[in-house]
Amino acid sequence: MICSYCGTEELEDSCSFCGASVNIKRPKLKEFVVLEDVDKPFNELSCFHTYDLLVLIRKEWTKAYDLMPTLKKARKSLKSIN
């Protein structure tokens, strides 16, 4: 048997590498994911394909990274006021 989650060859009911059940069918890739999907509850996100989750994490990280210049400007503004 091959783990449908990580691709490791397995002979047991669960993967010795990632711990996933070998018998569970994994979710298919979505055509697209949107940033609002991040706010979904865990039980819905657990039905997402791993790649889709990575895309969501990257989108969320990018959003946070794009806010950094704004925070730096705000910090400089506060220092100049004090």
N, C-alpha and C. Protein backbone atom coordinates (compact mmCIF):
# COMPACT_ATOMS: atom_id res chain seq x y z
N MET A 1 0.83 -1.18 0.00
CA MET A 1 0.00 0.00 0.00
C MET A 1 0.88 1.25 0.00
N ILE A 2 0.36 2.30 -0.58
CA ILE A 2 1.07 3.58 -0.61
C ILE A 2 0.21 4.62 0.09
N CYS A 3 0.82 5.38 0.98
CA CYS A 3 0.10 6.43 1.69
C CYS A 3 -0.35 7.49 0.69
N SER A 4 -1.65 7.75 0.64
CA SER A 4 -2.15 8.73 -0.31
C SER A 4 -1.90 10.16 0.16
N TYR A 5 -1.39 10.33 1.36
CA TYR A 5 -1.10 11.66 1.90
C TYR A 5 0.32 12.09 1.58
N CYS A 6 1.30 11.22 1.86
CA CYS A 6 2.69 11.62 1.65
C CYS A 6 3.42 10.77 0.61
N GLY A 7 2.81 9.66 0.17
CA GLY A 7 3.40 8.84 -0.87
C GLY A 7 4.35 7.76 -0.37
N THR A 8 4.52 7.63 0.93
CA THR A 8 5.40 6.61 1.49
C THR A 8 4.78 5.23 1.30
N GLU A 9 5.60 4.26 0.93
CA GLU A 9 5.10 2.90 0.77
C GLU A 9 4.88 2.30 2.15
N GLU A 10 3.69 1.74 2.35
CA GLU A 10 3.29 1.22 3.66
C GLU A 10 2.70 -0.17 3.53
N LEU A 11 2.79 -0.93 4.60
CA LEU A 11 2.16 -2.24 4.65
C LEU A 11 1.15 -2.33 5.79
N GLU A 12 1.03 -1.28 6.58
CA GLU A 12 0.13 -1.27 7.73
C GLU A 12 -1.07 -0.37 7.46
N ASP A 13 -1.93 -0.22 8.48
CA ASP A 13 -3.12 0.61 8.34
C ASP A 13 -2.84 2.10 8.47
N SER A 14 -1.69 2.46 9.05
CA SER A 14 -1.34 3.88 9.16
C SER A 14 0.10 4.07 8.72
N CYS A 15 0.38 5.24 8.23
CA CYS A 15 1.71 5.56 7.70
C CYS A 15 2.70 5.75 8.84
N SER A 16 3.84 5.11 8.74
CA SER A 16 4.87 5.26 9.77
C SER A 16 5.59 6.60 9.64
N PHE A 17 5.46 7.26 8.49
CA PHE A 17 6.13 8.55 8.28
C PHE A 17 5.26 9.71 8.76
N CYS A 18 4.02 9.81 8.26
CA CYS A 18 3.18 10.97 8.60
C CYS A 18 2.05 10.64 9.56
N GLY A 19 1.80 9.36 9.82
CA GLY A 19 0.77 8.96 10.77
C GLY A 19 -0.64 8.91 10.20
N ALA A 20 -0.81 9.24 8.93
CA ALA A 20 -2.13 9.25 8.31
C ALA A 20 -2.63 7.83 8.10
N SER A 21 -3.94 7.68 8.16
CA SER A 21 -4.55 6.38 7.87
C SER A 21 -4.40 6.09 6.39
N VAL A 22 -3.92 4.93 6.07
CA VAL A 22 -3.68 4.56 4.67
C VAL A 22 -5.00 4.31 3.95
N ASN A 23 -6.04 3.98 4.69
CA ASN A 23 -7.32 3.63 4.09
C ASN A 23 -8.20 4.83 3.75
N ILE A 24 -7.85 6.02 4.23
CA ILE A 24 -8.68 7.20 3.99
C ILE A 24 -8.32 7.81 2.63
N LYS A 25 -9.33 8.10 1.84
CA LYS A 25 -9.12 8.75 0.55
C LYS A 25 -8.87 10.24 0.79
N ARG A 26 -7.84 10.76 0.21
CA ARG A 26 -7.45 12.16 0.41
C ARG A 26 -8.25 13.10 -0.48
N PRO A 27 -8.41 14.34 -0.03
CA PRO A 27 -9.16 15.33 -0.82
C PRO A 27 -8.45 15.67 -2.13
N LYS A 28 -9.24 16.08 -3.10
CA LYS A 28 -8.71 16.50 -4.39
C LYS A 28 -8.35 17.98 -4.34
N LEU A 29 -7.44 18.38 -5.22
CA LEU A 29 -7.08 19.80 -5.34
C LEU A 29 -8.30 20.60 -5.78
N LYS A 30 -8.45 21.78 -5.19
CA LYS A 30 -9.53 22.68 -5.61
C LYS A 30 -9.06 23.46 -6.83
N GLU A 31 -9.99 23.95 -7.62
CA GLU A 31 -9.62 24.75 -8.78
C GLU A 31 -8.92 26.03 -8.33
N PHE A 32 -9.42 26.62 -7.26
CA PHE A 32 -8.78 27.79 -6.66
C PHE A 32 -9.22 27.89 -5.21
N VAL A 33 -8.41 28.55 -4.39
CA VAL A 33 -8.77 28.85 -3.01
C VAL A 33 -8.72 30.36 -2.83
N VAL A 34 -9.53 30.87 -1.92
CA VAL A 34 -9.56 32.30 -1.65
C VAL A 34 -9.14 32.53 -0.21
N LEU A 35 -8.63 33.71 0.05
CA LEU A 35 -8.10 34.03 1.38
C LEU A 35 -9.16 33.87 2.47
N GLU A 36 -10.42 34.08 2.14
CA GLU A 36 -11.48 33.95 3.13
C GLU A 36 -11.61 32.51 3.64
N ASP A 37 -11.07 31.54 2.89
CA ASP A 37 -11.11 30.15 3.33
C ASP A 37 -10.32 29.95 4.63
N VAL A 38 -9.39 30.85 4.92
CA VAL A 38 -8.58 30.76 6.13
C VAL A 38 -9.46 30.80 7.37
N ASP A 39 -10.57 31.50 7.31
CA ASP A 39 -11.45 31.66 8.46
C ASP A 39 -12.39 30.48 8.69
N LYS A 40 -12.33 29.48 7.84
CA LYS A 40 -13.19 28.31 8.00
C LYS A 40 -12.76 27.51 9.23
N PRO A 41 -13.70 26.79 9.85
CA PRO A 41 -13.34 25.97 11.01
C PRO A 41 -12.46 24.78 10.61
N PHE A 42 -11.79 24.24 11.60
CA PHE A 42 -10.83 23.16 11.37
C PHE A 42 -11.45 21.98 10.64
N ASN A 43 -12.68 21.60 11.02
CA ASN A 43 -13.27 20.41 10.40
C ASN A 43 -13.50 20.60 8.90
N GLU A 44 -13.69 21.84 8.45
CA GLU A 44 -13.80 22.10 7.01
C GLU A 44 -12.42 22.15 6.36
N LEU A 45 -11.46 22.78 7.04
CA LEU A 45 -10.10 22.86 6.49
C LEU A 45 -9.44 21.48 6.40
N SER A 46 -9.83 20.57 7.27
CA SER A 46 -9.24 19.22 7.22
C SER A 46 -9.65 18.47 5.96
N CYS A 47 -10.66 18.98 5.25
CA CYS A 47 -11.08 18.37 3.98
C CYS A 47 -10.34 18.97 2.78
N PHE A 48 -9.47 19.94 3.03
CA PHE A 48 -8.69 20.56 1.95
C PHE A 48 -7.48 19.71 1.64
N HIS A 49 -7.06 19.73 0.41
CA HIS A 49 -5.82 19.07 -0.01
C HIS A 49 -4.64 19.82 0.63
N THR A 50 -3.57 19.12 0.91
CA THR A 50 -2.40 19.73 1.54
C THR A 50 -1.88 20.92 0.74
N TYR A 51 -1.84 20.79 -0.58
CA TYR A 51 -1.35 21.88 -1.41
C TYR A 51 -2.23 23.12 -1.26
N ASP A 52 -3.56 22.92 -1.21
CA ASP A 52 -4.47 24.05 -1.03
C ASP A 52 -4.22 24.74 0.31
N LEU A 53 -3.94 23.96 1.35
CA LEU A 53 -3.63 24.55 2.65
C LEU A 53 -2.34 25.35 2.61
N LEU A 54 -1.36 24.84 1.89
CA LEU A 54 -0.09 25.59 1.75
C LEU A 54 -0.31 26.90 1.01
N VAL A 55 -1.16 26.89 0.00
CA VAL A 55 -1.49 28.12 -0.73
C VAL A 55 -2.14 29.13 0.21
N LEU A 56 -3.06 28.66 1.04
CA LEU A 56 -3.72 29.55 2.00
C LEU A 56 -2.73 30.14 3.00
N ILE A 57 -1.83 29.30 3.49
CA ILE A 57 -0.82 29.78 4.43
C ILE A 57 0.06 30.82 3.78
N ARG A 58 0.45 30.58 2.54
CA ARG A 58 1.29 31.55 1.84
C ARG A 58 0.54 32.87 1.62
N LYS A 59 -0.74 32.79 1.27
CA LYS A 59 -1.52 34.01 1.08
C LYS A 59 -1.63 34.79 2.38
N GLU A 60 -1.86 34.10 3.48
CA GLU A 60 -1.97 34.76 4.78
C GLU A 60 -0.63 35.36 5.18
N TRP A 61 0.46 34.65 4.94
CA TRP A 61 1.79 35.15 5.26
C TRP A 61 2.09 36.39 4.42
N THR A 62 1.75 36.36 3.14
CA THR A 62 1.99 37.50 2.25
C THR A 62 1.21 38.72 2.73
N LYS A 63 -0.02 38.50 3.16
CA LYS A 63 -0.83 39.60 3.67
C LYS A 63 -0.16 40.23 4.89
N ALA A 64 0.33 39.40 5.80
CA ALA A 64 1.01 39.90 6.99
C ALA A 64 2.31 40.61 6.62
N TYR A 65 3.06 40.05 5.68
CA TYR A 65 4.32 40.66 5.24
C TYR A 65 4.07 42.02 4.60
N ASP A 66 2.99 42.14 3.83
CA ASP A 66 2.67 43.41 3.18
C ASP A 66 2.30 44.49 4.18
N LEU A 67 1.87 44.11 5.38
CA LEU A 67 1.53 45.08 6.43
C LEU A 67 2.75 45.62 7.16
N MET A 68 3.88 44.96 7.03
CA MET A 68 5.07 45.35 7.78
C MET A 68 5.51 46.79 7.50
N PRO A 69 5.55 47.28 6.26
CA PRO A 69 5.93 48.68 6.05
C PRO A 69 4.99 49.67 6.76
N THR A 70 3.72 49.33 6.80
CA THR A 70 2.76 50.19 7.48
C THR A 70 3.07 50.25 8.98
N LEU A 71 3.41 49.12 9.55
CA LEU A 71 3.75 49.08 10.97
C LEU A 71 5.04 49.85 11.25
N LYS A 72 6.01 49.75 10.35
CA LYS A 72 7.26 50.49 10.52
C LYS A 72 7.01 51.99 10.48
N LYS A 73 6.15 52.44 9.54
CA LYS A 73 5.81 53.85 9.45
C LYS A 73 5.11 54.32 10.72
N ALA A 74 4.20 53.51 11.22
CA ALA A 74 3.47 53.86 12.43
C ALA A 74 4.43 53.97 13.61
N ARG A 75 5.39 53.07 13.71
CA ARG A 75 6.37 53.13 14.80
C ARG A 75 7.21 54.38 14.70
N LYS A 76 7.63 54.76 13.49
CA LYS A 76 8.41 55.98 13.32
C LYS A 76 7.58 57.20 13.67
N SER A 77 6.30 57.20 13.35
CA SER A 77 5.40 58.30 13.67
C SER A 77 5.29 58.45 15.19
N LEU A 78 5.15 57.33 15.88
CA LEU A 78 5.04 57.39 17.34
C LEU A 78 6.33 57.91 17.98
N LYS A 79 7.47 57.51 17.44
CA LYS A 79 8.74 57.99 17.99
C LYS A 79 8.90 59.48 17.77
N SER A 80 8.45 59.98 16.63
CA SER A 80 8.59 61.41 16.35
C SER A 80 7.64 62.24 17.23
N ILE A 81 6.51 61.67 17.65
CA ILE A 81 5.58 62.38 18.52
C ILE A 81 6.14 62.47 19.92
N ASN A 82 6.79 61.41 20.38
CA ASN A 82 7.35 61.38 21.73
C ASN A 82 8.61 62.16 21.74
